[in-house]
Amino acid sequence: MKIICIGRNYTEHIAELENEKPKDPVIFMKADTSILLKKQPFFIPDFSEEIHHEVEVLVKINKLGKYIDKKFAHKYYNEISVGIDFTARDLQSKLKAKGLPWEKAKAFDGSAVVGKWIDKAQFDDINNLNFSLEKNGEVVQQGNTQQMLWKIDELIAYVSQYFTLKIGDIIFTGTPAGVAKVHADERLTGYLEGQELFSIVVK
C-alpha cells in the first residue's frame, strides 16, 4: 500500500513556514513502514532535534482507480480519519536548501500516525469537517476541511493522474497552521468532529 501525502494545502500553514503557494498540489510519499504501530509510543529519532507534529485528515482508498474524474472521486473512499505526519523539520530544511528529496525527514519509521477509521456517511459535508490536535489536553492545531486549497475529491483526481490508486492506499490531505516541536512525555490526541480517533505518547 502507498501513503500519499499532500503538502501546502492550507494557506496559513504555507505562511508559517514561509513557503510559496503552489500552483498545483505538492505530493510526497511515505513508506508503509512509516505507520506507527497501534498502541505504540512515538520515539523521537536520534537524527533530529526538531520533530514537528502535523495533524491531517486522512482518506482510505477502497477501489482501484486511475485518471479518476473529480465528479466520481467520492466513490473511491468510504472511510476517513485523522493522523499525524511527523516531520524532522531541521533535516527537511537542510534537504530543501540543497534541492534534495524530503523522504529522510518525512518517511522515517513511525512518522505516520493513522487514527481509527470511521464511515464518511455519518457526516453531511465532507468539505466542512472540524479537526484538531491536543497536546497534553490543550488544543495546538485545529482546522476545517473547507480551508483546503484543494478539496479531497480534487486531490484524489489529481493524484490518480500520476499514481494508480489501490485498495488500502492512504492519502494525507495536508495540515493547517500550528505545527510545532514535540517533546518526550507529551500526549498527542487527534479529533474529527469531536470524536477522538487517536491518542499517542511521545518518548
Protein backbone atom coordinates (compact mmCIF):
# COMPACT_ATOMS: atom_id res chain seq x y z
CA MET A 1 0.00 0.00 0.00
CA LYS A 2 1.02 3.60 -0.56
CA ILE A 3 0.89 6.57 1.77
CA ILE A 4 0.41 9.64 -0.40
CA CYS A 5 0.84 12.98 1.32
CA ILE A 6 -0.18 16.46 0.25
CA GLY A 7 1.93 19.44 1.24
CA ARG A 8 0.98 23.13 1.37
CA ASN A 9 -2.80 22.64 1.23
CA TYR A 10 -3.68 25.24 3.89
CA THR A 11 -2.80 28.91 3.33
CA GLU A 12 -1.93 29.72 6.95
CA HIS A 13 0.45 26.75 7.17
CA ILE A 14 2.18 27.90 3.98
CA ALA A 15 2.66 31.31 5.60
CA GLU A 16 4.00 29.99 8.91
CA LEU A 17 6.76 28.06 7.12
CA GLU A 18 7.38 30.94 4.69
CA ASN A 19 6.78 28.74 1.66
CA GLU A 20 5.40 29.78 -1.71
CA LYS A 21 1.78 28.99 -2.53
CA PRO A 22 1.90 26.19 -5.12
CA LYS A 23 0.07 26.23 -8.45
CA ASP A 24 -0.66 22.51 -8.14
CA PRO A 25 -0.84 20.15 -5.15
CA VAL A 26 2.53 19.21 -3.68
CA ILE A 27 2.83 15.42 -3.44
CA PHE A 28 5.27 13.33 -1.47
CA MET A 29 5.22 9.75 -0.25
CA LYS A 30 5.75 7.85 2.98
CA ALA A 31 6.86 4.23 3.18
CA ASP A 32 4.46 1.63 4.57
CA THR A 33 6.96 1.22 7.43
CA SER A 34 6.20 4.85 8.36
CA ILE A 35 2.94 3.78 10.01
CA LEU A 36 3.19 3.89 13.79
CA LEU A 37 2.00 0.56 15.15
CA LYS A 38 -1.18 0.58 17.22
CA LYS A 39 -0.76 1.18 20.96
CA GLN A 40 2.91 2.03 20.46
CA PRO A 41 4.53 5.32 21.54
CA PHE A 42 6.28 7.60 19.08
CA PHE A 43 10.02 7.61 19.69
CA ILE A 44 11.87 10.80 18.74
CA PRO A 45 14.61 9.63 16.35
CA ASP A 46 18.26 10.26 17.10
CA PHE A 47 18.86 12.05 13.80
CA SER A 48 16.64 15.06 14.56
CA GLU A 49 16.42 17.73 17.23
CA GLU A 50 13.21 19.20 15.86
CA ILE A 51 10.38 16.76 15.18
CA HIS A 52 7.14 18.62 14.41
CA HIS A 53 3.57 17.36 14.62
CA GLU A 54 1.30 17.94 11.62
CA VAL A 55 -2.31 16.83 12.14
CA GLU A 56 -4.21 15.92 8.96
CA VAL A 57 -7.46 14.45 7.69
CA LEU A 58 -6.89 11.05 6.07
CA VAL A 59 -8.85 9.08 3.49
CA LYS A 60 -8.50 5.37 2.69
CA ILE A 61 -8.95 4.28 -0.92
CA ASN A 62 -11.44 1.42 -1.35
CA LYS A 63 -11.24 0.63 -5.08
CA LEU A 64 -8.70 0.56 -7.89
CA GLY A 65 -8.55 3.77 -9.87
CA LYS A 66 -6.52 5.67 -12.47
CA TYR A 67 -7.32 9.02 -14.15
CA ILE A 68 -10.31 9.45 -11.85
CA ASP A 69 -12.69 12.27 -12.73
CA LYS A 70 -13.35 14.64 -9.82
CA LYS A 71 -17.10 14.05 -10.05
CA PHE A 72 -16.54 10.33 -9.44
CA ALA A 73 -13.79 10.66 -6.82
CA HIS A 74 -16.23 10.34 -3.90
CA LYS A 75 -16.84 6.72 -4.92
CA TYR A 76 -13.22 5.78 -4.21
CA TYR A 77 -13.30 6.14 -0.43
CA ASN A 78 -15.80 5.32 2.31
CA GLU A 79 -13.68 5.89 5.42
CA ILE A 80 -11.89 8.90 6.82
CA SER A 81 -9.78 9.59 9.87
CA VAL A 82 -7.18 11.95 11.28
CA GLY A 83 -3.49 11.30 11.76
CA ILE A 84 -0.10 12.91 12.20
CA ASP A 85 2.60 13.47 9.62
CA PHE A 86 5.64 13.68 11.90
CA THR A 87 8.34 15.78 10.25
CA ALA A 88 12.03 16.18 11.07
CA ARG A 89 11.94 19.90 10.36
CA ASP A 90 15.65 20.52 10.85
CA LEU A 91 16.55 17.74 8.44
CA GLN A 92 13.86 18.79 5.98
CA SER A 93 15.20 22.35 5.95
CA LYS A 94 18.71 21.11 5.12
CA LEU A 95 17.41 18.87 2.35
CA LYS A 96 15.24 21.63 0.85
CA ALA A 97 18.17 24.06 0.90
CA LYS A 98 20.14 21.61 -1.25
CA GLY A 99 17.20 20.86 -3.55
CA LEU A 100 17.08 17.25 -2.35
CA PRO A 101 14.06 15.00 -1.71
CA TRP A 102 12.35 15.03 1.71
CA GLU A 103 12.00 11.30 2.38
CA LYS A 104 14.51 11.14 5.23
CA ALA A 105 12.61 13.92 7.01
CA LYS A 106 9.11 12.68 6.26
CA ALA A 107 9.08 8.92 5.68
CA PHE A 108 11.13 7.54 8.57
CA ASP A 109 9.83 4.66 10.67
CA GLY A 110 6.85 5.64 12.83
CA SER A 111 6.36 9.02 11.17
CA ALA A 112 2.74 8.34 10.14
CA VAL A 113 0.06 8.14 12.82
CA VAL A 114 -3.18 6.69 11.45
CA GLY A 115 -6.28 7.12 13.59
CA LYS A 116 -9.39 4.96 13.84
CA TRP A 117 -11.26 4.80 10.53
CA ILE A 118 -14.88 5.97 10.51
CA ASP A 119 -17.61 5.92 7.87
CA LYS A 120 -17.81 9.21 5.98
CA ALA A 121 -21.58 8.68 5.61
CA GLN A 122 -22.11 9.94 9.14
CA PHE A 123 -21.12 13.45 8.00
CA ASP A 124 -23.34 15.75 5.95
CA ASP A 125 -20.49 17.57 4.20
CA ILE A 126 -17.01 16.11 3.82
CA ASN A 127 -15.78 19.60 2.88
CA ASN A 128 -16.85 21.12 6.20
CA LEU A 129 -15.26 18.95 8.89
CA ASN A 130 -13.58 20.30 12.01
CA PHE A 131 -10.46 18.51 13.20
CA SER A 132 -7.86 19.22 15.84
CA LEU A 133 -4.82 18.05 17.76
CA GLU A 134 -4.41 18.33 21.51
CA LYS A 135 -1.07 18.23 23.30
CA ASN A 136 -1.49 17.22 26.94
CA GLY A 137 -5.14 18.31 26.77
CA GLU A 138 -4.50 21.71 25.14
CA VAL A 139 -5.51 22.39 21.53
CA VAL A 140 -2.39 23.13 19.47
CA GLN A 141 -3.72 22.66 15.93
CA GLN A 142 -7.19 23.00 14.51
CA GLY A 143 -8.64 23.27 11.04
CA ASN A 144 -11.64 22.68 8.85
CA THR A 145 -11.61 20.86 5.53
CA GLN A 146 -13.29 23.84 3.86
CA GLN A 147 -9.95 25.66 4.31
CA MET A 148 -8.18 23.26 1.95
CA LEU A 149 -6.80 24.80 -1.24
CA TRP A 150 -7.65 21.51 -2.96
CA LYS A 151 -10.55 19.54 -1.55
CA ILE A 152 -10.46 15.77 -1.01
CA ASP A 153 -12.14 14.81 -4.29
CA GLU A 154 -9.88 17.19 -6.21
CA LEU A 155 -6.84 15.61 -4.58
CA ILE A 156 -7.94 12.08 -5.49
CA ALA A 157 -8.48 13.13 -9.10
CA TYR A 158 -5.12 14.90 -9.26
CA VAL A 159 -3.08 12.16 -7.57
CA SER A 160 -4.63 9.48 -9.81
CA GLN A 161 -3.16 11.19 -12.88
CA TYR A 162 0.28 10.12 -11.66
CA PHE A 163 -0.28 7.06 -9.47
CA THR A 164 -2.74 4.21 -9.80
CA LEU A 165 -4.72 4.21 -6.56
CA LYS A 166 -5.16 0.77 -5.00
CA ILE A 167 -7.35 -0.59 -2.23
CA GLY A 168 -5.86 0.33 1.14
CA ASP A 169 -3.83 3.31 -0.06
CA ILE A 170 -3.98 6.26 2.34
CA ILE A 171 -3.98 9.94 1.45
CA PHE A 172 -2.82 12.51 4.00
CA THR A 173 -4.58 15.68 2.84
CA GLY A 174 -2.39 18.39 4.37
CA THR A 175 -2.01 20.19 7.68
CA PRO A 176 -3.34 23.53 8.95
CA ALA A 177 -1.27 26.09 10.84
CA GLY A 178 0.09 25.40 14.31
CA VAL A 179 2.81 22.82 13.64
CA ALA A 180 5.33 22.69 16.47
CA LYS A 181 8.11 20.68 18.07
CA VAL A 182 7.19 17.63 20.14
CA HIS A 183 8.89 16.63 23.38
CA ALA A 184 9.22 13.42 25.35
CA ASP A 185 6.32 12.54 27.66
CA GLU A 186 3.76 14.58 25.74
CA ARG A 187 0.43 13.00 24.82
CA LEU A 188 -0.98 13.86 21.40
CA THR A 189 -4.68 13.28 20.76
CA GLY A 190 -6.49 13.75 17.46
CA TYR A 191 -10.16 14.61 16.93
CA LEU A 192 -12.52 14.73 13.97
CA GLU A 193 -15.83 16.49 14.63
CA GLY A 194 -15.32 15.92 18.33
CA GLN A 195 -14.58 12.20 18.03
CA GLU A 196 -11.25 11.06 19.44
CA LEU A 197 -9.56 8.94 16.77
CA PHE A 198 -6.04 8.55 18.14
CA SER A 199 -4.02 9.21 21.27
CA ILE A 200 -0.27 8.54 21.46
CA VAL A 201 2.59 9.25 23.83
CA VAL A 202 5.91 10.74 22.71
CA LYS A 203 9.07 9.09 24.06
